[in-house]
Amino acid sequence: MKTLTRPPQTPVRPRAVAEAPRRWPRRLATIAAVAVLVALATTTVWLANIDPLATGETTYPIAGRGLDVTRRTIDAFGATGTVQSVQMRRDMTFRYRFSITNTGPLPITILDVGSQAPRGISSTVVAAKPSLATPAGSKGFGPFAPFSVGAGQTAGLTMQVHVAQDVCYPAGSDAAWYTEPVTYRVLGITRHAEVPMGTEIRLEGTDATGC
């Protein structure tokens, strides 16, 4: 019996298998794109709900020449702080300070503080101290310009209040507020927040400011 022997041959791959495209780079790109979209969505939701600004622990009394200021402490109904009452005069200007803390994990930039309140009373930020944790003898409050507040840091703000010449608040009435609107930026996005000051500013009407 004769046996026919042949050299081994490399098996031929089916055409469909041989020419099948390598799909793993596309799959990796798709996975990466989905991961980026999820990260963006998470960041967007986080930014939409972030509220990093809170009342700082440092408080200041109103001080100024010719001001009749009464200051009292309150601690009732879940509210603590002070009420500072000022006898109102037309065309009067005075300043007060309060502090804010960045309780978030990221640095933020304070862009503006204050408001043009109705009925002729406005508040404007005029000075700031970006960090109240600086050593004694260091630079104090300076003219306001946008500044950064790091995570966990506390900054001080000086506000200037102006009462218009034609203001109308009869004796027994008052204008009061305990928050200031703050415009800030985080991760390049501008946001707004009403930040409690830890004190209530109350301007009391007098005979001189009656209608």
C-alpha atoms as a PDB file:
ATOM      1  CA  MET A   1       0.000   0.000   0.000  1.00  0.00           C
ATOM      2  CA  LYS A   2       1.323   3.355  -0.901  1.00  0.00           C
ATOM      3  CA  THR A   3       0.526   6.382   1.212  1.00  0.00           C
ATOM      4  CA  LEU A   4       0.349   9.769  -0.378  1.00  0.00           C
ATOM      5  CA  THR A   5       1.819  12.474   1.784  1.00  0.00           C
ATOM      6  CA  ARG A   6       1.483  16.190   1.251  1.00  0.00           C
ATOM      7  CA  PRO A   7       3.141  19.096   2.986  1.00  0.00           C
ATOM      8  CA  PRO A   8       0.954  20.780   5.641  1.00  0.00           C
ATOM      9  CA  GLN A   9      -1.033  23.718   4.335  1.00  0.00           C
ATOM     10  CA  THR A  10      -2.115  26.852   6.125  1.00  0.00           C
ATOM     11  CA  PRO A  11      -5.865  26.787   6.482  1.00  0.00           C
ATOM     12  CA  VAL A  12      -7.585  29.372   4.367  1.00  0.00           C
ATOM     13  CA  ARG A  13      -9.647  31.850   6.392  1.00  0.00           C
ATOM     14  CA  PRO A  14     -13.112  32.472   5.105  1.00  0.00           C
ATOM     15  CA  ARG A  15     -13.282  35.721   3.136  1.00  0.00           C
ATOM     16  CA  ALA A  16     -15.785  37.210   5.517  1.00  0.00           C
ATOM     17  CA  VAL A  17     -13.458  36.528   8.456  1.00  0.00           C
ATOM     18  CA  ALA A  18     -10.300  37.615   6.690  1.00  0.00           C
ATOM     19  CA  GLU A  19     -11.725  40.951   5.635  1.00  0.00           C
ATOM     20  CA  ALA A  20     -13.697  41.725   8.813  1.00  0.00           C
ATOM     21  CA  PRO A  21     -12.736  45.217  10.040  1.00  0.00           C
ATOM     22  CA  ARG A  22     -11.200  45.688  13.436  1.00  0.00           C
ATOM     23  CA  ARG A  23     -13.948  47.344  15.445  1.00  0.00           C
ATOM     24  CA  TRP A  24     -12.315  47.815  18.845  1.00  0.00           C
ATOM     25  CA  PRO A  25     -10.969  51.351  18.105  1.00  0.00           C
ATOM     26  CA  ARG A  26     -14.509  52.475  17.278  1.00  0.00           C
ATOM     27  CA  ARG A  27     -15.838  50.869  20.406  1.00  0.00           C
ATOM     28  CA  LEU A  28     -13.197  52.579  22.536  1.00  0.00           C
ATOM     29  CA  ALA A  29     -14.038  55.921  20.920  1.00  0.00           C
ATOM     30  CA  THR A  30     -17.739  55.346  21.613  1.00  0.00           C
ATOM     31  CA  ILE A  31     -17.058  54.427  25.241  1.00  0.00           C
ATOM     32  CA  ALA A  32     -14.865  57.519  25.655  1.00  0.00           C
ATOM     33  CA  ALA A  33     -17.549  59.760  24.121  1.00  0.00           C
ATOM     34  CA  VAL A  34     -20.202  58.311  26.437  1.00  0.00           C
ATOM     35  CA  ALA A  35     -17.907  58.837  29.448  1.00  0.00           C
ATOM     36  CA  VAL A  36     -17.363  62.465  28.458  1.00  0.00           C
ATOM     37  CA  LEU A  37     -21.095  63.024  28.052  1.00  0.00           C
ATOM     38  CA  VAL A  38     -21.795  61.465  31.448  1.00  0.00           C
ATOM     39  CA  ALA A  39     -19.094  63.658  33.036  1.00  0.00           C
ATOM     40  CA  LEU A  40     -20.544  66.770  31.395  1.00  0.00           C
ATOM     41  CA  ALA A  41     -24.059  65.883  32.497  1.00  0.00           C
ATOM     42  CA  THR A  42     -22.869  65.254  36.053  1.00  0.00           C
ATOM     43  CA  THR A  43     -20.978  68.556  36.111  1.00  0.00           C
ATOM     44  CA  THR A  44     -23.993  70.407  34.731  1.00  0.00           C
ATOM     45  CA  VAL A  45     -26.291  68.954  37.389  1.00  0.00           C
ATOM     46  CA  TRP A  46     -23.731  69.734  40.085  1.00  0.00           C
ATOM     47  CA  LEU A  47     -23.353  73.325  38.901  1.00  0.00           C
ATOM     48  CA  ALA A  48     -27.104  73.745  38.739  1.00  0.00           C
ATOM     49  CA  ASN A  49     -27.405  72.765  42.397  1.00  0.00           C
ATOM     50  CA  ILE A  50     -24.170  74.124  43.837  1.00  0.00           C
ATOM     51  CA  ASP A  51     -24.550  76.789  46.509  1.00  0.00           C
ATOM     52  CA  PRO A  52     -21.061  77.190  47.979  1.00  0.00           C
ATOM     53  CA  LEU A  53     -21.418  80.629  49.597  1.00  0.00           C
ATOM     54  CA  ALA A  54     -22.395  80.849  53.247  1.00  0.00           C
ATOM     55  CA  THR A  55     -22.301  83.394  56.043  1.00  0.00           C
ATOM     56  CA  GLY A  56     -18.814  83.882  57.447  1.00  0.00           C
ATOM     57  CA  GLU A  57     -18.154  83.684  61.166  1.00  0.00           C
ATOM     58  CA  THR A  58     -16.674  87.191  61.334  1.00  0.00           C
ATOM     59  CA  THR A  59     -19.188  89.968  61.989  1.00  0.00           C
ATOM     60  CA  TYR A  60     -18.783  93.738  62.119  1.00  0.00           C
ATOM     61  CA  PRO A  61     -20.797  96.522  63.765  1.00  0.00           C
ATOM     62  CA  ILE A  62     -21.929  99.509  61.725  1.00  0.00           C
ATOM     63  CA  ALA A  63     -19.725 102.484  62.506  1.00  0.00           C
ATOM     64  CA  GLY A  64     -19.718 106.002  61.160  1.00  0.00           C
ATOM     65  CA  ARG A  65     -19.893 109.647  62.090  1.00  0.00           C
ATOM     66  CA  GLY A  66     -23.302 111.094  62.719  1.00  0.00           C
ATOM     67  CA  LEU A  67     -25.035 107.722  62.694  1.00  0.00           C
ATOM     68  CA  ASP A  68     -27.633 106.801  65.268  1.00  0.00           C
ATOM     69  CA  VAL A  69     -27.178 103.020  65.410  1.00  0.00           C
ATOM     70  CA  THR A  70     -28.911 100.562  67.727  1.00  0.00           C
ATOM     71  CA  ARG A  71     -27.529  97.014  67.799  1.00  0.00           C
ATOM     72  CA  ARG A  72     -29.208  93.996  69.360  1.00  0.00           C
ATOM     73  CA  THR A  73     -28.630  90.254  69.275  1.00  0.00           C
ATOM     74  CA  ILE A  74     -31.363  87.771  68.358  1.00  0.00           C
ATOM     75  CA  ASP A  75     -31.534  84.023  68.981  1.00  0.00           C
ATOM     76  CA  ALA A  76     -35.062  82.768  68.497  1.00  0.00           C
ATOM     77  CA  PHE A  77     -37.181  80.665  66.143  1.00  0.00           C
ATOM     78  CA  GLY A  78     -34.070  79.077  64.654  1.00  0.00           C
ATOM     79  CA  ALA A  79     -32.526  82.433  63.716  1.00  0.00           C
ATOM     80  CA  THR A  80     -29.355  83.825  65.236  1.00  0.00           C
ATOM     81  CA  GLY A  81     -27.487  87.033  64.510  1.00  0.00           C
ATOM     82  CA  THR A  82     -27.811  90.738  65.074  1.00  0.00           C
ATOM     83  CA  VAL A  83     -30.150  93.518  64.048  1.00  0.00           C
ATOM     84  CA  GLN A  84     -28.536  96.893  63.429  1.00  0.00           C
ATOM     85  CA  SER A  85     -31.020  99.737  63.210  1.00  0.00           C
ATOM     86  CA  VAL A  86     -30.123 103.121  61.740  1.00  0.00           C
ATOM     87  CA  GLN A  87     -32.228 106.275  61.811  1.00  0.00           C
ATOM     88  CA  MET A  88     -32.788 107.146  58.161  1.00  0.00           C
ATOM     89  CA  ARG A  89     -31.943 110.474  56.601  1.00  0.00           C
ATOM     90  CA  ARG A  90     -32.390 111.568  53.029  1.00  0.00           C
ATOM     91  CA  ASP A  91     -29.241 111.521  50.885  1.00  0.00           C
ATOM     92  CA  MET A  92     -27.369 109.650  53.613  1.00  0.00           C
ATOM     93  CA  THR A  93     -24.455 107.304  52.928  1.00  0.00           C
ATOM     94  CA  PHE A  94     -22.874 104.795  55.293  1.00  0.00           C
ATOM     95  CA  ARG A  95     -20.884 101.576  55.158  1.00  0.00           C
ATOM     96  CA  TYR A  96     -21.032  98.187  56.809  1.00  0.00           C
ATOM     97  CA  ARG A  97     -19.100  94.930  56.514  1.00  0.00           C
ATOM     98  CA  PHE A  98     -19.873  91.244  56.527  1.00  0.00           C
ATOM     99  CA  SER A  99     -17.983  88.049  55.703  1.00  0.00           C
ATOM    100  CA  ILE A 100     -18.685  85.123  53.371  1.00  0.00           C
ATOM    101  CA  THR A 101     -17.207  81.614  53.293  1.00  0.00           C
ATOM    102  CA  ASN A 102     -16.687  79.345  50.297  1.00  0.00           C
ATOM    103  CA  THR A 103     -17.947  75.994  51.578  1.00  0.00           C
ATOM    104  CA  GLY A 104     -17.525  74.262  48.200  1.00  0.00           C
ATOM    105  CA  PRO A 105     -14.625  72.078  46.987  1.00  0.00           C
ATOM    106  CA  LEU A 106     -13.571  74.483  44.212  1.00  0.00           C
ATOM    107  CA  PRO A 107     -12.258  78.051  44.183  1.00  0.00           C
ATOM    108  CA  ILE A 108     -14.723  80.705  43.082  1.00  0.00           C
ATOM    109  CA  THR A 109     -14.336  84.270  41.844  1.00  0.00           C
ATOM    110  CA  ILE A 110     -16.443  87.032  43.384  1.00  0.00           C
ATOM    111  CA  LEU A 111     -17.550  89.335  40.570  1.00  0.00           C
ATOM    112  CA  ASP A 112     -20.027  91.715  42.189  1.00  0.00           C
ATOM    113  CA  VAL A 113     -22.078  92.259  45.344  1.00  0.00           C
ATOM    114  CA  GLY A 114     -25.023  94.529  46.072  1.00  0.00           C
ATOM    115  CA  SER A 115     -28.279  95.672  44.578  1.00  0.00           C
ATOM    116  CA  GLN A 116     -30.307  98.641  43.483  1.00  0.00           C
ATOM    117  CA  ALA A 117     -33.167  98.105  45.884  1.00  0.00           C
ATOM    118  CA  PRO A 118     -36.562  99.658  45.199  1.00  0.00           C
ATOM    119  CA  ARG A 119     -37.768 102.878  46.780  1.00  0.00           C
ATOM    120  CA  GLY A 120     -34.456 104.676  46.643  1.00  0.00           C
ATOM    121  CA  ILE A 121     -32.051 102.554  48.723  1.00  0.00           C
ATOM    122  CA  SER A 122     -29.013 100.905  47.149  1.00  0.00           C
ATOM    123  CA  SER A 123     -26.059  98.841  48.359  1.00  0.00           C
ATOM    124  CA  THR A 124     -22.747  98.583  46.511  1.00  0.00           C
ATOM    125  CA  VAL A 125     -19.547  96.702  47.317  1.00  0.00           C
ATOM    126  CA  VAL A 126     -16.661  99.155  47.624  1.00  0.00           C
ATOM    127  CA  ALA A 127     -13.880  97.202  49.355  1.00  0.00           C
ATOM    128  CA  ALA A 128     -12.845  93.638  50.122  1.00  0.00           C
ATOM    129  CA  LYS A 129     -10.343  91.481  51.914  1.00  0.00           C
ATOM    130  CA  PRO A 130      -9.980  88.231  49.926  1.00  0.00           C
ATOM    131  CA  SER A 131      -8.851  86.207  52.933  1.00  0.00           C
ATOM    132  CA  LEU A 132      -9.544  86.927  56.588  1.00  0.00           C
ATOM    133  CA  ALA A 133      -7.062  84.227  57.582  1.00  0.00           C
ATOM    134  CA  THR A 134      -4.057  86.442  56.790  1.00  0.00           C
ATOM    135  CA  PRO A 135      -1.654  87.129  59.668  1.00  0.00           C
ATOM    136  CA  ALA A 136      -1.977  90.215  61.821  1.00  0.00           C
ATOM    137  CA  GLY A 137      -0.301  93.238  60.329  1.00  0.00           C
ATOM    138  CA  SER A 138      -0.928  92.106  56.755  1.00  0.00           C
ATOM    139  CA  LYS A 139      -2.791  94.108  54.160  1.00  0.00           C
ATOM    140  CA  GLY A 140      -6.370  94.868  55.160  1.00  0.00           C
ATOM    141  CA  PHE A 141      -9.386  95.822  53.099  1.00  0.00           C
ATOM    142  CA  GLY A 142      -8.629  97.306  49.696  1.00  0.00           C
ATOM    143  CA  PRO A 143     -10.706  98.744  46.824  1.00  0.00           C
ATOM    144  CA  PHE A 144     -12.991  96.105  45.397  1.00  0.00           C
ATOM    145  CA  ALA A 145     -12.021  94.205  42.258  1.00  0.00           C
ATOM    146  CA  PRO A 146     -13.021  90.648  41.298  1.00  0.00           C
ATOM    147  CA  PHE A 147     -11.054  88.204  43.461  1.00  0.00           C
ATOM    148  CA  SER A 148     -10.751  84.488  44.097  1.00  0.00           C
ATOM    149  CA  VAL A 149     -11.877  82.720  47.266  1.00  0.00           C
ATOM    150  CA  GLY A 150     -10.390  79.271  47.750  1.00  0.00           C
ATOM    151  CA  ALA A 151     -12.251  76.249  49.107  1.00  0.00           C
ATOM    152  CA  GLY A 152     -12.888  76.748  52.817  1.00  0.00           C
ATOM    153  CA  GLN A 153     -11.657  80.348  52.817  1.00  0.00           C
ATOM    154  CA  THR A 154     -13.513  83.350  54.234  1.00  0.00           C
ATOM    155  CA  ALA A 155     -13.481  86.818  52.697  1.00  0.00           C
ATOM    156  CA  GLY A 156     -14.616  90.174  54.050  1.00  0.00           C
ATOM    157  CA  LEU A 157     -16.714  92.685  52.116  1.00  0.00           C
ATOM    158  CA  THR A 158     -17.401  96.367  52.686  1.00  0.00           C
ATOM    159  CA  MET A 159     -20.781  97.594  51.451  1.00  0.00           C
ATOM    160  CA  GLN A 160     -21.833 101.181  50.916  1.00  0.00           C
ATOM    161  CA  VAL A 161     -25.491 102.075  51.360  1.00  0.00           C
ATOM    162  CA  HIS A 162     -27.006 105.194  49.831  1.00  0.00           C
ATOM    163  CA  VAL A 163     -30.436 106.627  50.568  1.00  0.00           C
ATOM    164  CA  ALA A 164     -31.875 108.743  47.765  1.00  0.00           C
ATOM    165  CA  GLN A 165     -32.774 112.397  48.175  1.00  0.00           C
ATOM    166  CA  ASP A 166     -36.445 111.747  47.414  1.00  0.00           C
ATOM    167  CA  VAL A 167     -36.861 108.664  49.600  1.00  0.00           C
ATOM    168  CA  CYS A 168     -40.254 108.282  51.272  1.00  0.00           C
ATOM    169  CA  TYR A 169     -40.371 106.385  54.586  1.00  0.00           C
ATOM    170  CA  PRO A 170     -42.679 107.903  57.210  1.00  0.00           C
ATOM    171  CA  ALA A 171     -41.947 107.534  60.913  1.00  0.00           C
ATOM    172  CA  GLY A 172     -42.837 104.033  62.060  1.00  0.00           C
ATOM    173  CA  SER A 173     -41.897 102.410  58.740  1.00  0.00           C
ATOM    174  CA  ASP A 174     -38.593 100.802  57.861  1.00  0.00           C
ATOM    175  CA  ALA A 175     -36.539  99.152  55.110  1.00  0.00           C
ATOM    176  CA  ALA A 176     -34.640  96.025  56.169  1.00  0.00           C
ATOM    177  CA  TRP A 177     -32.545  93.298  54.587  1.00  0.00           C
ATOM    178  CA  TYR A 178     -30.374  90.440  55.841  1.00  0.00           C
ATOM    179  CA  THR A 179     -28.946  89.080  52.555  1.00  0.00           C
ATOM    180  CA  GLU A 180     -26.894  90.542  49.746  1.00  0.00           C
ATOM    181  CA  PRO A 181     -26.949  89.305  46.140  1.00  0.00           C
ATOM    182  CA  VAL A 182     -23.526  87.971  45.116  1.00  0.00           C
ATOM    183  CA  THR A 183     -22.447  87.315  41.539  1.00  0.00           C
ATOM    184  CA  TYR A 184     -19.628  84.791  41.270  1.00  0.00           C
ATOM    185  CA  ARG A 185     -17.944  82.464  38.785  1.00  0.00           C
ATOM    186  CA  VAL A 186     -17.116  78.774  39.203  1.00  0.00           C
ATOM    187  CA  LEU A 187     -15.574  76.603  36.469  1.00  0.00           C
ATOM    188  CA  GLY A 188     -16.049  79.496  34.057  1.00  0.00           C
ATOM    189  CA  ILE A 189     -19.808  79.678  34.686  1.00  0.00           C
ATOM    190  CA  THR A 190     -21.348  82.823  36.196  1.00  0.00           C
ATOM    191  CA  ARG A 191     -23.893  82.274  38.958  1.00  0.00           C
ATOM    192  CA  HIS A 192     -25.903  84.366  41.422  1.00  0.00           C
ATOM    193  CA  ALA A 193     -26.744  83.746  45.070  1.00  0.00           C
ATOM    194  CA  GLU A 194     -28.465  85.516  47.952  1.00  0.00           C
ATOM    195  CA  VAL A 195     -26.019  85.227  50.827  1.00  0.00           C
ATOM    196  CA  PRO A 196     -27.112  85.838  54.444  1.00  0.00           C
ATOM    197  CA  MET A 197     -24.915  88.424  56.139  1.00  0.00           C
ATOM    198  CA  GLY A 198     -25.334  87.248  59.720  1.00  0.00           C
ATOM    199  CA  THR A 199     -26.891  90.608  60.527  1.00  0.00           C
ATOM    200  CA  GLU A 200     -29.999  92.507  59.526  1.00  0.00           C
ATOM    201  CA  ILE A 201     -29.649  96.104  58.415  1.00  0.00           C
ATOM    202  CA  ARG A 202     -32.759  98.087  59.291  1.00  0.00           C
ATOM    203  CA  LEU A 203     -33.268 101.675  58.179  1.00  0.00           C
ATOM    204  CA  GLU A 204     -35.993 103.325  60.216  1.00  0.00           C
ATOM    205  CA  GLY A 205     -38.114 106.069  58.768  1.00  0.00           C
ATOM    206  CA  THR A 206     -38.364 109.391  60.606  1.00  0.00           C
ATOM    207  CA  ASP A 207     -40.268 112.625  60.333  1.00  0.00           C
ATOM    208  CA  ALA A 208     -37.469 113.871  58.091  1.00  0.00           C
ATOM    209  CA  THR A 209     -38.066 111.060  55.574  1.00  0.00           C
ATOM    210  CA  GLY A 210     -41.853 111.207  55.511  1.00  0.00           C
ATOM    211  CA  CYS A 211     -43.763 111.600  52.267  1.00  0.00           C
END
